[in-house]
Protein backbone atom coordinates (compact mmCIF):
# COMPACT_ATOMS: atom_id res chain seq x y z
CA MET A 1 0.00 0.10 -0.11
CA GLY A 2 1.40 3.52 -0.41
CA SER A 3 2.47 5.74 1.85
CA PRO A 4 1.68 9.28 1.45
CA LYS A 5 3.47 10.10 3.68
CA ARG A 6 6.97 9.50 2.91
CA ASP A 7 8.42 12.70 0.48
CA PHE A 8 10.32 10.87 -2.80
CA PHE A 9 10.37 13.30 -5.46
CA ARG A 10 13.09 16.15 -6.00
CA TYR A 11 13.24 17.97 -8.86
CA ILE A 12 16.77 17.26 -9.54
CA ASP A 13 18.92 16.24 -13.08
CA GLY A 14 19.76 12.78 -14.53
CA GLU A 15 19.28 8.95 -13.03
CA GLU A 16 17.79 10.02 -9.23
CA SER A 17 15.31 11.87 -10.93
CA GLN A 18 13.87 9.49 -13.22
CA THR A 19 14.47 6.97 -9.78
CA ASP A 20 12.42 9.13 -7.18
CA PHE A 21 9.58 9.50 -9.90
CA PHE A 22 9.13 6.20 -10.94
CA VAL A 23 9.04 4.98 -7.21
CA SER A 24 6.96 7.47 -5.64
CA LEU A 25 4.50 5.91 -8.20
CA LEU A 26 5.25 2.52 -7.73
CA ASP A 27 4.38 3.03 -3.90
CA GLN A 28 1.21 5.21 -4.77
CA THR A 29 -0.12 2.31 -6.93
CA ASP A 30 -0.74 -1.70 -6.78
CA THR A 31 2.90 -2.12 -6.10
CA ALA A 32 3.17 -6.10 -7.04
CA ARG A 33 1.21 -5.96 -9.91
CA VAL A 34 3.88 -3.63 -11.51
CA LEU A 35 6.97 -5.60 -10.26
CA ASN A 36 4.64 -8.85 -11.47
CA ALA A 37 5.09 -7.31 -15.17
CA ILE A 38 8.41 -6.02 -14.82
CA HIS A 39 9.86 -9.52 -13.39
CA GLY A 40 7.75 -12.13 -15.11
CA ASP A 41 9.34 -15.35 -13.04
CA LEU A 42 9.79 -13.27 -9.49
CA LYS A 43 6.36 -13.49 -7.92
CA PHE A 44 5.41 -10.22 -5.58
CA ASP A 45 2.26 -10.77 -3.06
CA ASP A 46 0.02 -8.61 -1.94
CA SER A 47 1.80 -7.01 0.83
CA ALA A 48 4.36 -5.85 -1.36
CA TYR A 49 5.45 -2.20 -0.69
CA VAL A 50 8.31 -0.06 -1.12
CA ARG A 51 10.26 -0.46 2.72
CA ALA A 52 13.35 2.27 1.61
CA THR A 53 14.41 4.41 -1.11
CA GLN A 54 17.54 6.72 -1.60
CA ARG A 55 15.86 9.20 0.60
CA ASP A 56 15.14 7.08 3.39
CA GLY A 57 17.08 4.38 3.58
CA LEU A 58 17.46 0.72 5.49
CA PRO A 59 18.15 1.54 9.03
CA HIS A 60 20.79 -1.38 10.04
CA HIS A 61 24.54 -1.15 8.61
CA PRO A 62 26.75 -4.17 8.67
CA ASP A 63 30.42 -3.46 9.80
CA GLN A 64 31.55 -5.35 7.34
CA ASN A 65 31.12 -2.68 4.41
CA ASP A 66 33.50 0.17 3.94
CA LYS A 67 30.63 2.72 3.22
CA ARG A 68 26.93 3.38 4.38
CA ARG A 69 25.11 2.05 1.30
CA THR A 70 21.96 3.68 0.17
CA ILE A 71 20.08 1.15 -2.50
CA ASP A 72 17.99 3.52 -4.76
CA TRP A 73 14.98 1.71 -3.56
CA VAL A 74 13.94 -1.54 -1.28
CA VAL A 75 10.73 -3.24 -1.67
CA GLU A 76 9.50 -6.29 0.78
CA ASP A 77 6.71 -8.48 0.93
CA ASP A 78 5.87 -11.40 3.69
CA THR A 79 8.70 -13.62 2.00
CA LYS A 80 11.57 -11.33 0.49
CA LEU A 81 13.61 -8.54 0.73
CA VAL A 82 14.28 -7.02 -3.31
CA GLY A 83 16.89 -4.03 -3.73
CA TYR A 84 17.39 -1.93 -6.63
CA GLU A 85 20.48 0.14 -8.06
CA SER A 86 19.67 2.04 -10.87
CA LYS A 87 22.21 3.11 -13.70
CA THR A 88 21.48 5.65 -16.66
CA GLY A 89 23.38 6.88 -19.50
CA THR A 90 26.76 5.27 -19.41
CA ASP A 91 27.01 5.31 -15.91
CA SER A 92 28.24 1.47 -14.74
CA LEU A 93 27.11 -0.89 -12.42
CA TYR A 94 30.39 -1.17 -9.84
CA PRO A 95 30.97 -4.53 -8.01
CA LYS A 96 32.06 -3.46 -4.92
CA GLN A 97 28.94 -1.20 -4.43
CA LEU A 98 26.65 -4.45 -5.38
CA ARG A 99 28.72 -6.50 -3.28
CA GLU A 100 28.21 -4.26 -0.51
CA GLU A 101 24.15 -2.99 -1.36
CA ARG A 102 23.31 -6.80 -0.97
CA ARG A 103 25.41 -7.54 2.14
CA LYS A 104 23.58 -4.36 3.47
CA LEU A 105 19.68 -6.25 2.40
CA GLU A 106 20.99 -9.79 4.14
CA HIS A 107 21.44 -7.35 7.39
CA ASN A 108 18.08 -6.07 7.26
CA ALA A 109 16.28 -9.18 5.89
CA GLY A 110 15.78 -10.99 9.21
CA ARG A 111 15.20 -14.88 7.84
CA LYS A 112 13.63 -13.44 4.28
CA ASP A 113 15.33 -14.71 0.82
CA VAL A 114 17.27 -11.87 -0.76
CA TYR A 115 17.38 -10.15 -3.91
CA LEU A 116 19.30 -7.81 -5.93
CA PHE A 117 19.24 -6.23 -9.42
CA GLY A 118 21.10 -3.74 -11.13
CA ILE A 119 19.06 -1.79 -13.65
CA THR A 120 20.73 -0.12 -16.69
CA GLU A 121 20.34 1.25 -20.43
CA ASP A 122 23.10 -0.92 -21.43
CA VAL A 123 22.29 -2.81 -24.66
CA HIS A 124 24.05 -5.78 -23.12
CA LYS A 125 23.99 -7.27 -20.21
CA PRO A 126 27.52 -5.54 -18.55
CA ASP A 127 30.12 -7.26 -16.64
CA PHE A 128 30.15 -7.10 -12.92
CA ASP A 129 31.54 -9.67 -10.30
CA ALA A 130 28.48 -9.66 -7.91
CA ASP A 131 25.19 -11.56 -6.62
CA ALA A 132 22.65 -9.16 -8.39
CA THR A 133 20.97 -9.52 -11.61
CA TRP A 134 20.47 -7.50 -14.32
CA LEU A 135 17.32 -5.69 -15.34
CA SER A 136 17.42 -3.13 -18.69
CA TRP A 137 15.71 0.16 -18.08
CA PHE A 138 13.74 -0.26 -21.49
CA ASP A 139 12.78 -3.73 -20.70
CA VAL A 140 11.22 -2.55 -17.65
CA GLY A 141 9.17 0.84 -19.82
CA ALA A 142 8.07 -1.31 -22.12
CA ALA A 143 6.50 -4.02 -19.47
CA VAL A 144 5.17 -1.03 -17.97
CA ILE A 145 3.70 0.14 -21.47
CA ASP A 146 2.30 -2.96 -21.89
CA ILE A 147 -0.05 -3.30 -18.40
CA GLU A 148 -3.84 -3.51 -19.49
CA ASN A 149 -6.42 -1.18 -16.88
CA LYS A 150 -3.61 0.85 -15.78
CA SER A 151 -4.40 2.82 -12.61
CA GLU A 152 -3.29 6.75 -12.73
CA ALA A 153 -0.35 6.42 -11.01
CA ILE A 154 0.65 3.50 -13.66
CA GLU A 155 -0.33 5.80 -16.33
CA ILE A 156 1.80 8.63 -15.37
CA MET A 157 4.93 5.82 -14.56
CA SER A 158 3.74 4.75 -18.81
CA ASP A 159 3.94 8.10 -19.53
CA LEU A 160 6.97 8.36 -17.94
CA PHE A 161 8.64 5.39 -19.71
CA LYS A 162 7.40 6.74 -23.18
CA HIS A 163 9.12 9.72 -22.91
CA LYS A 164 12.20 8.10 -21.83
CA GLY A 165 12.19 6.44 -24.85
CA TYR A 166 11.37 3.00 -23.46
CA GLU A 167 8.38 2.24 -24.78
CA GLY A 168 10.41 -0.08 -28.22
CA PHE A 169 9.63 0.10 -31.86
CA THR A 170 6.04 1.52 -32.76
CA GLY A 171 6.69 2.80 -36.84
CA PHE A 172 7.64 5.55 -38.52
CA ALA A 173 5.83 9.03 -37.95
CA PRO A 174 4.56 10.44 -41.22
CA PHE A 175 7.66 12.79 -42.91
CA GLU A 176 6.77 16.43 -42.27
CA ARG A 177 9.23 19.03 -43.33
CA ASP A 178 10.58 20.15 -39.80
CA GLU A 179 12.96 19.46 -37.21
CA ALA A 180 10.95 17.74 -34.98
CA TRP A 181 9.99 15.26 -36.85
CA PHE A 182 13.80 15.03 -37.88
CA ILE A 183 14.50 13.99 -34.05
CA THR A 184 11.55 11.83 -34.05
CA HIS A 185 12.47 9.90 -37.33
CA GLN A 186 15.89 9.32 -35.69
CA ASN A 187 14.64 7.93 -32.54
CA ASP A 188 12.30 5.98 -34.55
CA ALA A 189 15.49 4.52 -36.00
CA VAL A 190 17.06 3.77 -32.72
CA ASP A 191 13.82 2.20 -31.54
CA LEU A 192 13.47 -0.46 -34.42
CA ALA A 193 17.51 -0.96 -34.15
CA PHE A 194 16.86 -2.10 -30.23
CA GLU A 195 14.20 -3.89 -31.14
CA VAL A 196 16.10 -6.24 -33.51
CA ASP A 197 18.51 -6.47 -31.32
CA LYS A 198 16.05 -8.44 -29.23
CA TYR A 199 15.45 -11.13 -31.43
CA ALA A 200 18.54 -11.42 -33.78
CA ASP A 201 19.62 -14.70 -33.19
CA GLY A 202 23.69 -14.67 -32.90
CA LEU A 203 23.81 -11.06 -33.96
CA SER A 204 24.06 -8.12 -31.28
CA LEU A 205 23.86 -4.46 -31.88
CA TYR A 206 27.47 -3.26 -31.60
CA THR A 207 28.78 -0.59 -29.35
CA LYS A 208 31.77 1.18 -29.37
CA ARG A 209 32.52 0.18 -25.77
CA THR A 210 30.37 -2.59 -23.69
CA ASN A 211 29.04 0.41 -21.27
CA HIS A 212 28.54 3.15 -23.99
CA THR A 213 25.76 3.12 -26.71
CA ASP A 214 26.57 5.46 -29.07
CA PHE A 215 25.74 4.99 -32.47
CA TYR A 216 27.56 5.84 -35.81
CA ASN A 217 26.15 8.66 -37.30
CA ARG A 218 24.13 9.88 -34.94
CA ALA A 219 22.83 13.91 -34.72
CA LYS A 220 24.81 15.34 -32.26
CA ARG A 221 25.26 18.47 -32.64
CA ASN A 222 23.74 21.48 -31.12
CA LEU A 223 20.58 22.88 -33.71
CA ASN A 224 20.75 25.95 -33.14
CA LYS A 225 24.65 26.23 -33.56
CA ILE A 226 23.74 24.18 -37.12
CA LYS A 227 21.26 26.96 -38.35
CA LYS A 228 23.63 29.55 -37.79
CA ASN A 229 26.02 28.03 -40.42
CA ASP A 230 24.29 27.00 -43.40
CA HIS A 231 27.04 25.31 -44.37
CA HIS A 232 26.70 22.18 -41.91
CA SER A 233 24.03 19.83 -42.15
CA LEU A 234 21.67 19.22 -39.97
CA GLY A 235 22.66 15.32 -39.34
CA PRO A 236 24.23 12.67 -41.43
CA SER A 237 22.25 11.58 -44.91
CA TYR A 238 21.79 7.72 -43.20
CA TYR A 239 21.59 6.33 -39.69
CA ILE A 240 23.55 3.32 -39.54
CA PHE A 241 22.93 0.24 -36.50
CA ALA A 242 25.83 -1.94 -36.90
CA TYR A 243 25.33 -6.13 -35.45
CA GLN A 244 28.05 -8.29 -35.07
CA PRO A 245 28.65 -11.98 -34.11
CA ASP A 246 27.65 -12.57 -30.59
CA GLU A 247 31.39 -14.10 -30.08
CA TYR A 248 33.26 -11.25 -31.48
CA PHE A 249 32.65 -8.86 -28.44
CA GLY A 250 35.96 -8.69 -26.84
CA ASP A 251 37.84 -9.30 -30.02
CA ALA A 252 39.64 -6.85 -31.43
CA ASP A 253 40.87 -8.59 -34.37
CA THR A 254 37.91 -8.46 -36.09
CA ASP A 255 36.34 -7.33 -39.71
CA TYR A 256 33.05 -6.18 -37.65
CA ASN A 257 34.46 -2.97 -38.52
CA THR A 258 32.55 -0.59 -38.31
CA SER A 259 34.72 2.56 -38.83
CA GLY A 260 34.06 1.15 -42.87
CA GLY A 261 37.88 1.58 -42.95
CA VAL A 262 38.35 -2.08 -43.18
CA GLY A 263 36.71 -5.73 -43.68
CA TRP A 264 32.61 -5.19 -43.67
CA TYR A 265 29.74 -5.15 -41.04
CA LEU A 266 26.23 -5.82 -41.37
CA ALA A 267 23.89 -3.49 -40.51
CA ILE A 268 20.49 -1.39 -40.62
CA VAL A 269 20.80 1.88 -42.88
CA VAL A 270 17.57 4.35 -42.07
CA PRO A 271 17.90 7.09 -44.43
CA ALA A 272 17.69 10.40 -42.55
CA LEU A 273 14.74 11.84 -44.66
CA GLN A 274 12.89 9.08 -45.54
CA ASN A 275 10.19 6.03 -43.58
CA GLU A 276 12.73 3.57 -45.42
CA VAL A 277 15.23 0.77 -44.09
CA TYR A 278 17.52 -1.29 -45.73
CA VAL A 279 19.33 -4.39 -43.91
CA HIS A 280 22.93 -4.19 -45.40
CA LEU A 281 26.66 -5.88 -45.66
CA ASN A 282 28.72 -2.88 -45.88
CA THR A 283 32.68 -2.54 -47.29
CA TYR A 284 34.50 0.43 -48.24
CA LEU A 285 36.80 -1.27 -51.06
CA SER A 286 38.86 1.56 -51.79
CA LYS A 287 40.38 1.68 -47.72
CA ASP A 288 40.93 -2.09 -47.95
CA ASP A 289 42.90 -4.33 -50.11
CA THR A 290 41.81 -7.44 -48.77
CA SER A 291 37.78 -6.82 -49.39
CA LYS A 292 38.86 -5.73 -53.15
CA LYS A 293 40.68 -8.83 -53.79
CA PHE A 294 38.60 -10.72 -52.60
CA PHE A 295 35.74 -9.19 -53.78
CA ASN A 296 37.57 -9.24 -57.26
CA GLN A 297 38.65 -13.21 -57.27
CA TYR A 298 34.57 -14.35 -56.12
CA SER A 299 33.15 -11.91 -58.33
CA LYS A 300 30.64 -13.64 -60.80
CA GLN A 301 29.62 -15.95 -57.11
CA ILE A 302 28.79 -12.75 -55.35
CA ALA A 303 27.09 -11.24 -58.67
CA ARG A 304 25.20 -14.74 -58.52
CA LEU A 305 24.45 -14.47 -54.67
CA ILE A 306 22.65 -11.32 -55.25
CA GLU A 307 20.67 -11.91 -57.81
CA GLU A 308 19.40 -15.53 -56.54
CA ASN A 309 18.31 -13.83 -53.26
CA ASP A 310 17.08 -10.91 -55.14
CA MET A 311 19.10 -8.55 -53.47
CA GLU A 312 20.27 -5.41 -54.31
CA LEU A 313 23.79 -3.72 -54.48
CA HIS A 314 24.07 -0.19 -53.81
CA ALA A 315 27.29 1.29 -54.80
CA SER A 316 28.87 5.20 -54.04
CA ALA A 317 31.72 7.40 -53.40
CA ASN A 318 31.44 8.73 -50.20
CA SER A 319 30.86 8.51 -46.33
CA LEU A 320 27.44 7.60 -45.43
CA PHE A 321 27.67 10.75 -43.35
CA SER A 322 27.30 12.99 -46.30
CA GLU A 323 26.85 10.36 -49.32
CA LYS A 324 24.11 11.18 -52.57
CA SER A 325 22.05 8.77 -53.18
CA PRO A 326 23.41 5.58 -54.19
CA THR A 327 23.03 3.44 -57.96
CA SER A 328 21.19 0.50 -57.73
CA HIS A 329 21.88 -2.73 -59.39
CA THR A 330 20.59 -6.52 -59.75
CA ASP A 331 21.99 -8.10 -62.85
CA SER A 332 24.03 -10.53 -62.16
CA GLU A 333 26.47 -9.64 -65.19
CA GLU A 334 26.46 -6.10 -64.69
CA ILE A 335 27.36 -6.89 -61.03
CA SER A 336 29.85 -8.74 -61.68
CA ALA A 337 31.85 -6.74 -64.56
CA LEU A 338 30.61 -3.23 -62.18
CA ILE A 339 33.09 -5.32 -59.24
CA GLU A 340 35.93 -6.79 -61.43
CA ASN A 341 36.54 -3.25 -63.48
CA GLU A 342 34.76 -0.12 -60.73
CA GLY A 343 34.96 -1.66 -57.87
CA GLY A 344 36.80 0.99 -55.14
CA LYS A 345 36.98 3.30 -57.70
CA GLY A 346 34.98 6.99 -57.90
CA ARG A 347 31.59 6.70 -57.41
CA PHE A 348 32.01 2.68 -56.60
CA LYS A 349 34.20 2.92 -53.87
CA ARG A 350 31.80 1.68 -51.17
CA PHE A 351 29.52 -1.38 -51.45
CA ARG A 352 25.99 -2.29 -49.61
CA ILE A 353 24.77 -5.49 -50.39
CA GLY A 354 21.06 -6.26 -49.06
CA TRP A 355 17.44 -5.75 -48.84
CA GLU A 356 14.83 -2.69 -48.69
CA VAL A 357 12.50 -3.58 -45.99
CA ASP A 358 8.70 -2.76 -46.77
CA THR A 359 7.57 0.43 -44.19
CA ASN A 360 4.50 0.16 -45.06
CA GLN A 361 3.70 -2.54 -42.29
CA SER A 362 2.73 -3.14 -38.84
CA PRO A 363 5.63 -2.17 -36.58
CA GLU A 364 5.76 -5.95 -35.53
CA ASP A 365 6.10 -6.70 -38.91
CA ILE A 366 8.68 -4.61 -39.77
CA VAL A 367 10.48 -5.93 -36.74
CA GLU A 368 10.50 -9.17 -37.99
CA ASP A 369 11.71 -8.59 -41.48
CA VAL A 370 14.64 -6.81 -40.23
CA THR A 371 15.23 -9.60 -38.08
CA GLU A 372 14.96 -12.04 -40.79
CA LYS A 373 16.65 -10.40 -43.07
CA ILE A 374 19.88 -9.52 -40.90
CA GLU A 375 19.91 -13.14 -39.92
CA GLU A 376 19.91 -14.24 -43.66
CA LEU A 377 22.52 -11.85 -44.64
CA HIS A 378 24.85 -13.03 -42.27
CA GLU A 379 24.53 -16.79 -42.71
CA ILE A 380 25.17 -15.97 -46.44
CA PHE A 381 28.29 -13.89 -46.00
CA TYR A 382 29.50 -15.34 -42.78
CA ASN A 383 32.48 -14.06 -40.42
CA GLY A 384 33.78 -11.47 -42.60
CA VAL A 385 36.47 -11.64 -45.62
CA GLU A 386 40.09 -13.06 -43.20
CA ARG A 387 37.83 -15.52 -40.86
CA ARG A 388 36.72 -17.01 -44.43
CA THR A 389 38.42 -20.14 -45.64
CA GLU A 390 36.28 -21.78 -47.66
CA TYR A 391 34.18 -19.39 -49.59
CA ALA A 392 32.53 -21.86 -51.58
CA GLU A 393 30.74 -22.78 -48.92
CA ILE A 394 27.31 -20.89 -49.74
CA ASP A 395 28.04 -21.05 -53.01
């Protein structure tokens, strides 16, 4: 049950404000219902309530801890005491902090079971050496948004998570010629990339570091500064979301190089000014002699694969940040001749091979279509140039 005497929410920036607002709402509604929607396997009974927060922490501190830890929020029911440590942005979960927070839970739990969860905005489960379970804020938000017959407090909670971008992919907004649509479209593309990451078998969304989600070719510059300099573009021509095999994470010696300078990688490509989606293998022949030699050696096989799988080859001269519309090719003889005679030169420095996805489908069908296509592309071109020894295997 709610405890209206507690003052949870403070108007401050960052993770604390989000946590305060969420927990204040959690305490004022059916706590067990919300948490059961979030957790699935871990079930809370009707006695569940918010026992402690970062403003009103657990009373007892174990002597073994170096610091008097305050857990972001703690929920208790008749059988268990459950703690939550929250991080947003690029903030990380720290093993020592988690170990001491679990010790504090155990010190205050009596004979009840103890659980500790670390919640972050990471795309992939972060590495930490502690007895805690990871949750994603994106999964937490989606679970709350999907609750049916919401109370007023859960509706407000749902609106908070939608505002934070945790709703998931809901389709592309109809094109409008204004800055608001531009940013909305970018966010729609990001949501699509996250959704595909959930379902793609053996592939995961690439990030620069395991604790840092910073997508290649996102609009990052201040809009007001851009408008004062007419020679600056508002953002990139395309948004690119690279994926790589799960086993490649942490391996620096890989051909899935998202800089585009060497090797190749798989990507979802979304034009910045169109509601279009492409699933492509991307390679930059003019900067990578190994890839150029490989494409030349297997030009006929690659051309035949493109034709037989109803793919297209898109060729262009520049970086995807500012390139003009690429040329499109589907005929196997034309593609073979283009690779052998023009690959890596002029308007044919970069090749992208794959399919366009129909965006006039439901959001669920778009996600399913993109996921199937990127898995298929991975199967066809598995493992990159350096790691493939028998290209004939896919012939």
